[in-house]
Amino acid sequence: MNGNSSLTGNKLLAGLSPEQLALVSPLLRREEFSDGDVIVSQHLPPERVYLLVDGYATVKKRLPDSEEIEIAKLAAGDFFGELGILRDAREHSASVVATGRVKTFSLGRDDFTRLLYDYSPVARNILSNIVVQLQDMNQRYVASLHAEKVELERQVLERTRELAAVGERLRRELALAQTIQRNLLPDKTRSFPGVMVTTDYVPCEELGGDVTGVFPVDDHHIAVYGGDVCGHGIYAALVMSYVKKLIETSVKRMLINRQYVVKPPGAVLTSINHSFISEISQGDPEIYLTLFLGVLDLRNLSFEYSSAGTHVPPLVVSPERASELFDTSDYPIGHVPGHEYDTRKYVFSRGEAFLFLSDGVVEARDQSGAFGMGRLKELSRRAARTEAGLDVSSIVASVRSFLGDAPPQDDMCLLAMSFTAADPRP
C-alpha cells in the first residue's frame, strides 16, 4: 500500500519508524465516504479504529431527548473509534459523519489491540489524544457554561423587569380597587330620626370580603346589612360589591292589598340566594357568603330581620346587658338552591343598641388566645353608657390594642345602631 506518506501524518501512528509503519500498513483497510455518510454509528458496537487521511468529518451525539448535537470537528490526521474498543463498549458514544468526500484507513479490533501492545508510541499517542480531547471538551464546557450564565442573567433581568411592570400595574389596580371599595362603604357615622349608626371596617389584606351598610328604604324605614364572602382579596371584594348592589336594589316597598309594605328581609335573601347561585357560584359549594339583613321601622323600633349563615349573631346591647339577637342562623347564601329564608322580628327599646360584627372581631388572636365574645360584650356594655350611644370605634381600638403589632387574621367589620331618647317620629 502506497500510504506511508499519509500514515506518518496521522496522530495515532506518530513516532513509529518507517520499518514499523511498513509492518502496520498491510493491516489497514482503505475506505472512502461521500458527504453525509455515517462512518461510525453511535448505537452500533465498535469494530474498527479509523484514521482520517483526507477531508473532514463531524462528531455528533444524540441525547436522550432525541436532540442531536455537534460535539467536535475532525480533519486529516485525526483518528476516532478507539475509545469504544478500549472500553469494550457495546456501542459508540457518538456518531461520525463525513463532511464532503472523505478518505480513511481503518484497523479491525484485533489488529488495533495488537498494535497497541506491540508499539508503545501508539499507546502514548492514544493517551495524548484523549488528554487533548478532554482539554478541548473542558474548554468548550466552560465556554458553554459562561454563555449559559450570560443568557440566564439576561433572561432573569428581562423577567425581573417584566415582573416589576406587572407588579406595578397590579399595585395601581389594587390601589384603585381599594379606593372603590372604600367609597362603597357607608359613612362611619350616620343619623336618622332617633337612631345613630356607626360603622367601621378593617380588612386583613388590601381588599376584603366583609361588608356592612345602612340606607333608607322610605320615610319610615331603614335597612342595615352585614356579610362575609368566603376568602379574601380581589375575588371576595368583587363578589361583595355585587352583593351590596343586589341588596340595595332588592330592599324596596311593594304594593300589597292597596298598601305599600317593605319587602320582608327573608324574601330578599331568598331572591339574593337565587341570583347568587345562578350568576356567581353556579352550584359550587366552595363559593358562598354569610349575610344578615334587617329593616327597622323608625316609628316604633320594630326590627324585621333574616340571617343566612351568620357566624356571630348580632348583639342587643344596653348598659346593663349584651345578648345575642338569635341563637341559630339559616343556610349561607349559595349553599341550597331554591331555599326560602324566613323573617323574624324584634322590638327595640330606647337606650338599647344593635351591634352587628363579623367573626374577625371575636376571633382576633394574640399569644394568649382569642379576643372572645365575653370581652366583646363587656366592651359593648361600657360603650353603650355614653350619651351618644354605642360607637364601634372604641371596640375597634380595643381589638387593635389586644392584637398589638400583629395584623388582623381576618377582616373586621362592625355596625351599631343606637336608639336615642329623641322622638323618632318625623
Protein backbone atom coordinates (compact mmCIF):
# COMPACT_ATOMS: atom_id res chain seq x y z
CA MET A 1 0.00 0.00 0.00
CA ASN A 2 1.43 3.39 -1.01
CA GLY A 3 0.09 5.05 2.10
CA ASN A 4 3.18 5.55 4.23
CA SER A 5 3.26 9.29 3.50
CA SER A 6 -0.34 9.61 4.71
CA LEU A 7 0.30 7.42 7.74
CA THR A 8 3.24 9.47 9.00
CA GLY A 9 0.96 12.49 9.35
CA ASN A 10 -1.63 10.67 11.43
CA LYS A 11 -1.66 11.38 15.16
CA LEU A 12 -2.27 7.73 16.06
CA LEU A 13 0.89 6.46 14.38
CA ALA A 14 3.18 9.42 15.12
CA GLY A 15 6.57 8.28 16.37
CA LEU A 16 6.64 4.96 14.53
CA SER A 17 9.71 4.28 12.44
CA PRO A 18 9.44 3.66 8.68
CA GLU A 19 10.05 -0.03 9.34
CA GLN A 20 7.24 -0.14 11.91
CA LEU A 21 4.89 1.72 9.55
CA ALA A 22 5.74 -0.77 6.85
CA LEU A 23 4.59 -3.56 9.15
CA VAL A 24 1.38 -1.70 10.07
CA SER A 25 0.45 -0.70 6.54
CA PRO A 26 -0.78 -4.14 5.40
CA LEU A 27 -3.22 -4.23 8.33
CA LEU A 28 -5.05 -1.11 7.17
CA ARG A 29 -8.21 -1.04 5.06
CA ARG A 30 -8.69 1.91 2.75
CA GLU A 31 -12.22 3.36 2.67
CA GLU A 32 -13.92 6.37 1.04
CA PHE A 33 -17.14 8.16 2.07
CA SER A 34 -19.38 10.76 0.47
CA ASP A 35 -20.86 13.85 2.10
CA GLY A 36 -23.35 12.84 4.80
CA ASP A 37 -22.27 9.23 5.03
CA VAL A 38 -22.20 7.82 8.57
CA ILE A 39 -18.71 6.45 9.15
CA VAL A 40 -19.38 5.43 12.75
CA SER A 41 -22.89 4.99 14.16
CA GLN A 42 -23.47 5.87 17.81
CA HIS A 43 -25.66 2.88 18.55
CA LEU A 44 -23.59 0.18 16.80
CA PRO A 45 -20.85 -1.84 18.54
CA PRO A 46 -17.25 -0.63 17.97
CA GLU A 47 -15.42 -2.83 15.45
CA ARG A 48 -12.77 -0.61 13.83
CA VAL A 49 -10.47 2.35 14.52
CA TYR A 50 -10.40 4.99 11.75
CA LEU A 51 -7.50 7.20 10.63
CA LEU A 52 -8.73 10.27 8.74
CA VAL A 53 -6.46 10.66 5.67
CA ASP A 54 -8.27 13.30 3.64
CA GLY A 55 -11.32 15.50 4.13
CA TYR A 56 -13.37 16.45 7.16
CA ALA A 57 -15.86 14.77 9.49
CA THR A 58 -18.23 15.83 12.24
CA VAL A 59 -18.75 14.09 15.59
CA LYS A 60 -22.42 14.13 16.58
CA LYS A 61 -24.15 12.83 19.71
CA ARG A 62 -27.83 12.08 20.08
CA LEU A 63 -29.12 12.98 23.56
CA PRO A 64 -31.81 11.06 25.50
CA ASP A 65 -34.43 13.63 24.45
CA SER A 66 -33.68 12.75 20.77
CA GLU A 67 -31.88 16.03 20.11
CA GLU A 68 -28.63 15.57 18.15
CA ILE A 69 -25.79 17.97 18.93
CA GLU A 70 -22.42 18.54 17.28
CA ILE A 71 -19.57 17.99 19.72
CA ALA A 72 -16.38 18.08 17.55
CA LYS A 73 -14.84 18.59 14.10
CA LEU A 74 -12.23 16.18 12.67
CA ALA A 75 -9.65 16.81 9.94
CA ALA A 76 -6.91 14.88 8.17
CA GLY A 77 -4.50 13.45 10.74
CA ASP A 78 -7.16 12.76 13.38
CA PHE A 79 -8.29 9.28 14.41
CA PHE A 80 -11.51 8.06 16.03
CA GLY A 81 -13.30 4.96 17.26
CA GLU A 82 -10.52 3.86 19.57
CA LEU A 83 -12.28 4.59 22.86
CA GLY A 84 -15.16 2.22 22.21
CA ILE A 85 -12.74 -0.65 21.61
CA LEU A 86 -10.56 0.27 24.59
CA ARG A 87 -13.62 0.32 26.86
CA ASP A 88 -15.01 -2.82 25.25
CA ALA A 89 -18.24 -0.84 24.88
CA ARG A 90 -21.43 -2.24 23.39
CA GLU A 91 -21.91 0.88 21.30
CA HIS A 92 -20.07 4.03 20.29
CA SER A 93 -20.52 7.14 22.43
CA ALA A 94 -21.15 9.28 19.32
CA SER A 95 -21.52 9.12 15.55
CA VAL A 96 -19.00 10.37 12.99
CA VAL A 97 -20.42 11.76 9.73
CA ALA A 98 -18.48 12.65 6.58
CA THR A 99 -18.38 16.33 5.56
CA GLY A 100 -17.73 16.26 1.84
CA ARG A 101 -15.59 13.47 0.37
CA VAL A 102 -13.57 11.65 3.00
CA LYS A 103 -10.74 9.10 2.78
CA THR A 104 -9.80 6.91 5.72
CA PHE A 105 -7.68 3.95 6.74
CA SER A 106 -9.15 1.64 9.34
CA LEU A 107 -7.93 -1.10 11.66
CA GLY A 108 -10.02 -4.01 12.89
CA ARG A 109 -10.44 -4.62 16.60
CA ASP A 110 -7.83 -7.41 16.85
CA ASP A 111 -5.23 -5.61 14.71
CA PHE A 112 -5.67 -2.40 16.71
CA THR A 113 -5.29 -4.26 20.01
CA ARG A 114 -2.13 -6.00 18.77
CA LEU A 115 -0.73 -2.69 17.50
CA LEU A 116 -1.41 -1.13 20.86
CA TYR A 117 0.51 -3.84 22.72
CA ASP A 118 3.40 -4.13 20.24
CA TYR A 119 4.15 -0.44 19.74
CA SER A 120 4.36 1.81 22.83
CA PRO A 121 4.25 5.05 20.73
CA VAL A 122 0.72 4.09 19.66
CA ALA A 123 -0.40 3.79 23.30
CA ARG A 124 1.30 7.11 24.08
CA ASN A 125 -0.40 8.79 21.11
CA ILE A 126 -3.81 7.47 22.15
CA LEU A 127 -3.32 8.74 25.69
CA SER A 128 -2.18 12.14 24.35
CA ASN A 129 -5.20 12.28 22.06
CA ILE A 130 -7.53 11.50 24.97
CA VAL A 131 -5.95 14.28 27.04
CA VAL A 132 -6.32 16.74 24.15
CA GLN A 133 -9.97 15.73 23.71
CA LEU A 134 -10.65 16.15 27.42
CA GLN A 135 -8.97 19.56 27.42
CA ASP A 136 -10.99 20.60 24.39
CA MET A 137 -14.21 19.32 25.95
CA ASN A 138 -13.41 21.16 29.18
CA GLN A 139 -12.77 24.42 27.33
CA ARG A 140 -15.97 24.07 25.36
CA TYR A 141 -17.85 23.16 28.56
CA VAL A 142 -16.51 26.24 30.35
CA ALA A 143 -17.36 28.41 27.35
CA SER A 144 -20.84 26.85 27.20
CA LEU A 145 -21.35 27.47 30.93
CA HIS A 146 -20.29 31.07 30.52
CA ALA A 147 -22.64 31.56 27.57
CA GLU A 148 -25.47 29.91 29.51
CA LYS A 149 -24.71 32.09 32.53
CA VAL A 150 -24.79 35.24 30.42
CA GLU A 151 -28.05 34.14 28.76
CA LEU A 152 -29.58 33.17 32.12
CA GLU A 153 -28.63 36.53 33.61
CA ARG A 154 -30.20 38.25 30.59
CA GLN A 155 -33.40 36.20 30.96
CA VAL A 156 -33.54 36.83 34.71
CA LEU A 157 -33.08 40.57 34.15
CA GLU A 158 -35.76 40.55 31.46
CA ARG A 159 -38.19 38.55 33.62
CA THR A 160 -37.44 40.79 36.60
CA ARG A 161 -38.32 43.85 34.54
CA GLU A 162 -41.50 42.14 33.30
CA LEU A 163 -42.47 41.12 36.84
CA ALA A 164 -41.73 44.61 38.12
CA ALA A 165 -44.00 46.05 35.43
CA VAL A 166 -46.73 43.52 36.26
CA GLY A 167 -46.30 44.21 39.97
CA GLU A 168 -46.54 47.95 39.44
CA ARG A 169 -49.67 47.52 37.33
CA LEU A 170 -51.21 45.25 39.98
CA ARG A 171 -50.34 47.76 42.71
CA ARG A 172 -52.07 50.53 40.75
CA GLU A 173 -55.09 48.32 40.10
CA LEU A 174 -55.24 47.22 43.76
CA ALA A 175 -54.99 50.83 44.92
CA LEU A 176 -57.83 51.76 42.57
CA ALA A 177 -59.90 48.76 43.72
CA GLN A 178 -59.21 49.66 47.34
CA THR A 179 -60.37 53.24 46.71
CA ILE A 180 -63.52 51.98 45.00
CA GLN A 181 -64.25 49.58 47.86
CA ARG A 182 -63.74 52.33 50.48
CA ASN A 183 -66.13 54.53 48.51
CA LEU A 184 -68.71 51.72 48.62
CA LEU A 185 -68.53 51.50 52.40
CA PRO A 186 -71.04 53.54 54.42
CA ASP A 187 -70.09 56.71 56.24
CA LYS A 188 -68.64 55.92 59.64
CA THR A 189 -71.38 57.95 61.28
CA ARG A 190 -74.90 58.47 60.01
CA SER A 191 -78.05 59.62 61.79
CA PHE A 192 -81.74 59.00 61.23
CA PRO A 193 -84.67 60.24 63.36
CA GLY A 194 -83.97 58.79 66.81
CA VAL A 195 -81.21 56.46 65.55
CA MET A 196 -77.44 56.92 65.39
CA VAL A 197 -75.50 54.48 63.15
CA THR A 198 -71.71 53.98 63.40
CA THR A 199 -69.61 51.61 61.30
CA ASP A 200 -66.00 50.58 60.91
CA TYR A 201 -64.14 48.19 58.63
CA VAL A 202 -60.60 46.83 58.97
CA PRO A 203 -59.54 44.48 56.11
CA CYS A 204 -56.80 41.96 56.84
CA GLU A 205 -55.42 42.43 53.29
CA GLU A 206 -55.50 45.18 50.68
CA LEU A 207 -59.03 44.08 49.79
CA GLY A 208 -61.54 42.19 51.89
CA GLY A 209 -64.78 40.28 51.59
CA ASP A 210 -66.67 41.74 54.56
CA VAL A 211 -69.26 44.48 54.17
CA THR A 212 -71.80 46.45 56.16
CA GLY A 213 -74.27 49.04 55.04
CA VAL A 214 -77.25 51.18 56.02
CA PHE A 215 -79.66 53.01 53.74
CA PRO A 216 -83.18 54.47 53.87
CA VAL A 217 -85.95 52.42 52.28
CA ASP A 218 -88.64 55.08 52.59
CA ASP A 219 -89.58 57.87 55.01
CA HIS A 220 -90.19 55.43 57.87
CA HIS A 221 -87.78 52.52 57.32
CA ILE A 222 -84.03 51.98 57.13
CA ALA A 223 -82.22 48.78 56.14
CA VAL A 224 -79.00 47.51 57.68
CA TYR A 225 -76.93 44.59 56.48
CA GLY A 226 -73.65 42.83 57.03
CA GLY A 227 -71.98 39.95 55.27
CA ASP A 228 -68.82 37.98 54.63
CA VAL A 229 -67.73 36.31 51.38
CA CYS A 230 -65.60 33.21 51.85
CA GLY A 231 -61.97 34.12 51.14
CA HIS A 232 -60.13 37.42 50.77
CA GLY A 233 -58.58 39.60 48.10
CA ILE A 234 -59.90 40.80 44.76
CA TYR A 235 -62.32 37.91 44.26
CA ALA A 236 -64.04 38.45 47.62
CA ALA A 237 -64.18 42.23 47.15
CA LEU A 238 -65.75 41.89 43.69
CA VAL A 239 -68.37 39.42 44.91
CA MET A 240 -69.26 41.58 47.89
CA SER A 241 -69.58 44.66 45.66
CA TYR A 242 -72.05 42.66 43.55
CA VAL A 243 -73.96 41.56 46.68
CA LYS A 244 -74.05 45.09 48.08
CA LYS A 245 -75.64 46.40 44.90
CA LEU A 246 -78.07 43.46 44.88
CA ILE A 247 -79.17 44.18 48.46
CA GLU A 248 -79.71 47.87 47.96
CA THR A 249 -81.81 47.31 44.83
CA SER A 250 -83.79 44.40 46.32
CA VAL A 251 -84.97 46.02 49.58
CA LYS A 252 -87.90 48.17 48.44
CA ARG A 253 -91.56 48.87 49.00
CA MET A 254 -94.20 46.65 47.41
CA LEU A 255 -97.89 47.33 46.82
CA ILE A 256 -99.93 44.63 48.57
CA ASN A 257 -103.71 44.91 49.05
CA ARG A 258 -103.54 48.57 48.03
CA GLN A 259 -100.96 49.28 50.72
CA TYR A 260 -97.22 49.80 50.40
CA VAL A 261 -95.16 47.48 52.58
CA VAL A 262 -91.41 46.91 52.70
CA LYS A 263 -90.32 43.62 51.18
CA PRO A 264 -89.59 41.21 54.08
CA PRO A 265 -85.87 40.51 54.67
CA GLY A 266 -86.42 36.74 54.31
CA ALA A 267 -87.89 37.24 50.85
CA VAL A 268 -84.93 39.47 49.92
CA LEU A 269 -82.40 36.81 51.00
CA THR A 270 -84.35 34.16 49.07
CA SER A 271 -84.08 36.30 45.93
CA ILE A 272 -80.37 37.03 46.54
CA ASN A 273 -79.65 33.30 47.06
CA HIS A 274 -81.25 32.50 43.70
CA SER A 275 -79.31 35.27 41.89
CA PHE A 276 -76.03 34.36 43.60
CA ILE A 277 -76.24 30.68 42.64
CA SER A 278 -77.30 31.34 39.05
CA GLU A 279 -74.87 34.20 38.37
CA ILE A 280 -71.88 33.71 40.71
CA SER A 281 -71.39 30.30 42.34
CA GLN A 282 -73.26 28.21 39.75
CA GLY A 283 -73.67 25.46 42.34
CA ASP A 284 -70.06 25.38 43.58
CA PRO A 285 -70.34 24.73 47.37
CA GLU A 286 -66.97 26.40 47.97
CA ILE A 287 -68.35 29.75 46.78
CA TYR A 288 -70.77 31.22 49.29
CA LEU A 289 -71.34 34.11 51.69
CA THR A 290 -72.96 34.77 55.01
CA LEU A 291 -75.44 37.63 55.11
CA PHE A 292 -77.60 39.40 57.67
CA LEU A 293 -80.36 41.80 56.63
CA GLY A 294 -82.66 43.82 58.85
CA VAL A 295 -85.29 46.52 58.25
CA LEU A 296 -86.05 48.95 61.10
CA ASP A 297 -89.33 50.87 61.42
CA LEU A 298 -88.26 54.26 62.78
CA ARG A 299 -91.70 54.93 64.21
CA ASN A 300 -91.84 52.08 66.71
CA LEU A 301 -88.33 50.50 66.54
CA SER A 302 -89.83 47.27 65.19
CA PHE A 303 -87.00 45.35 63.57
CA GLU A 304 -87.60 42.60 60.99
CA TYR A 305 -84.55 40.58 60.05
CA SER A 306 -83.26 37.43 58.37
CA SER A 307 -79.90 35.68 58.67
CA ALA A 308 -78.07 33.43 56.19
CA GLY A 309 -75.22 31.60 57.89
CA THR A 310 -74.16 34.47 60.17
CA HIS A 311 -71.39 33.01 62.37
CA VAL A 312 -71.55 35.58 65.15
CA PRO A 313 -75.13 36.64 65.96
CA PRO A 314 -75.68 40.40 66.29
CA LEU A 315 -75.99 41.69 69.85
CA VAL A 316 -78.74 43.63 71.59
CA VAL A 317 -76.80 45.92 73.93
CA SER A 318 -77.71 48.13 76.86
CA PRO A 319 -75.61 49.44 79.76
CA GLU A 320 -76.90 46.50 81.82
CA ARG A 321 -76.59 43.58 79.39
CA ALA A 322 -75.48 42.35 75.97
CA SER A 323 -77.21 39.30 74.49
CA GLU A 324 -77.43 37.59 71.11
CA LEU A 325 -80.33 38.61 68.87
CA PHE A 326 -80.89 34.95 67.91
CA ASP A 327 -79.47 31.50 68.66
CA THR A 328 -79.32 29.89 65.23
CA SER A 329 -78.87 31.11 61.67
CA ASP A 330 -80.15 29.73 58.36
CA TYR A 331 -78.06 28.34 55.47
CA PRO A 332 -75.39 30.61 53.94
CA ILE A 333 -76.18 32.22 50.61
CA GLY A 334 -75.14 29.87 47.81
CA HIS A 335 -75.48 26.58 49.69
CA VAL A 336 -79.05 25.44 48.97
CA PRO A 337 -80.75 26.21 45.64
CA GLY A 338 -84.41 27.19 45.97
CA HIS A 339 -84.18 27.68 49.73
CA GLU A 340 -86.66 30.12 51.30
CA TYR A 341 -85.45 32.23 54.21
CA ASP A 342 -87.80 33.25 56.99
CA THR A 343 -88.27 36.68 58.57
CA ARG A 344 -88.03 37.22 62.34
CA LYS A 345 -88.95 40.22 64.46
CA TYR A 346 -87.60 42.10 67.49
CA VAL A 347 -88.74 45.40 69.01
CA PHE A 348 -86.00 47.61 70.45
CA SER A 349 -86.36 49.94 73.41
CA ARG A 350 -84.94 53.43 73.82
CA GLY A 351 -81.48 53.21 75.35
CA GLU A 352 -80.70 49.88 73.68
CA ALA A 353 -78.34 49.39 70.76
CA PHE A 354 -77.90 46.90 67.98
CA LEU A 355 -74.39 45.63 67.14
CA PHE A 356 -73.50 43.62 64.06
CA LEU A 357 -69.93 42.35 63.76
CA SER A 358 -68.01 39.87 61.62
CA ASP A 359 -66.29 36.86 63.16
CA GLY A 360 -62.91 38.52 62.58
CA VAL A 361 -63.56 40.63 65.70
CA VAL A 362 -64.18 37.89 68.28
CA GLU A 363 -61.67 35.54 66.61
CA ALA A 364 -58.80 38.07 66.63
CA ARG A 365 -55.91 36.32 68.38
CA ASP A 366 -52.78 37.22 70.24
CA GLN A 367 -50.38 34.87 72.03
CA SER A 368 -52.82 34.37 74.90
CA GLY A 369 -55.77 33.35 72.72
CA ALA A 370 -58.85 34.85 71.03
CA PHE A 371 -60.43 38.22 71.79
CA GLY A 372 -63.64 36.35 72.51
CA MET A 373 -67.34 37.08 72.93
CA GLY A 374 -67.10 37.72 76.67
CA ARG A 375 -64.63 40.56 76.24
CA LEU A 376 -66.71 41.96 73.37
CA LYS A 377 -69.93 42.01 75.45
CA GLU A 378 -68.23 43.82 78.31
CA LEU A 379 -66.78 46.45 75.95
CA SER A 380 -70.20 46.87 74.28
CA ARG A 381 -71.96 47.48 77.61
CA ARG A 382 -69.39 50.11 78.57
CA ALA A 383 -69.61 51.80 75.15
CA ALA A 384 -73.43 51.91 75.36
CA ARG A 385 -73.33 54.02 78.55
CA THR A 386 -72.33 57.18 76.69
CA GLU A 387 -74.97 59.76 75.76
CA ALA A 388 -74.15 59.33 72.07
CA GLY A 389 -74.85 55.60 72.32
CA LEU A 390 -72.72 52.72 71.13
CA ASP A 391 -69.76 53.83 68.99
CA VAL A 392 -67.91 50.95 67.31
CA SER A 393 -64.65 52.93 67.07
CA SER A 394 -63.94 52.23 70.75
CA ILE A 395 -64.38 48.48 70.15
CA VAL A 396 -62.05 48.55 67.12
CA ALA A 397 -59.44 50.44 69.18
CA SER A 398 -59.66 47.78 71.90
CA VAL A 399 -59.20 44.94 69.40
CA ARG A 400 -56.19 46.69 67.83
CA SER A 401 -54.68 47.16 71.26
CA PHE A 402 -55.32 43.48 72.01
CA LEU A 403 -53.50 42.44 68.80
CA GLY A 404 -50.51 44.70 69.44
CA ASP A 405 -48.15 44.62 66.49
CA ALA A 406 -49.82 41.56 64.95
CA PRO A 407 -52.02 42.22 61.88
CA PRO A 408 -55.65 41.04 61.96
CA GLN A 409 -56.04 37.46 60.76
CA ASP A 410 -59.45 38.18 59.23
CA ASP A 411 -61.48 41.17 58.10
CA MET A 412 -63.12 43.08 60.94
CA CYS A 413 -66.47 44.64 60.15
CA LEU A 414 -68.83 46.36 62.66
CA LEU A 415 -72.12 48.27 62.51
CA ALA A 416 -74.04 49.67 65.51
CA MET A 417 -77.45 51.31 65.76
CA SER A 418 -78.09 53.27 68.93
CA PHE A 419 -81.68 54.20 69.79
CA THR A 420 -81.56 57.57 71.48
CA ALA A 421 -84.24 59.16 73.59
CA ALA A 422 -85.21 61.54 70.82
CA ASP A 423 -88.69 61.19 69.35
CA PRO A 424 -88.23 59.14 66.14
CA ARG A 425 -91.42 60.39 64.54
CA PRO A 426 -90.78 62.86 61.69
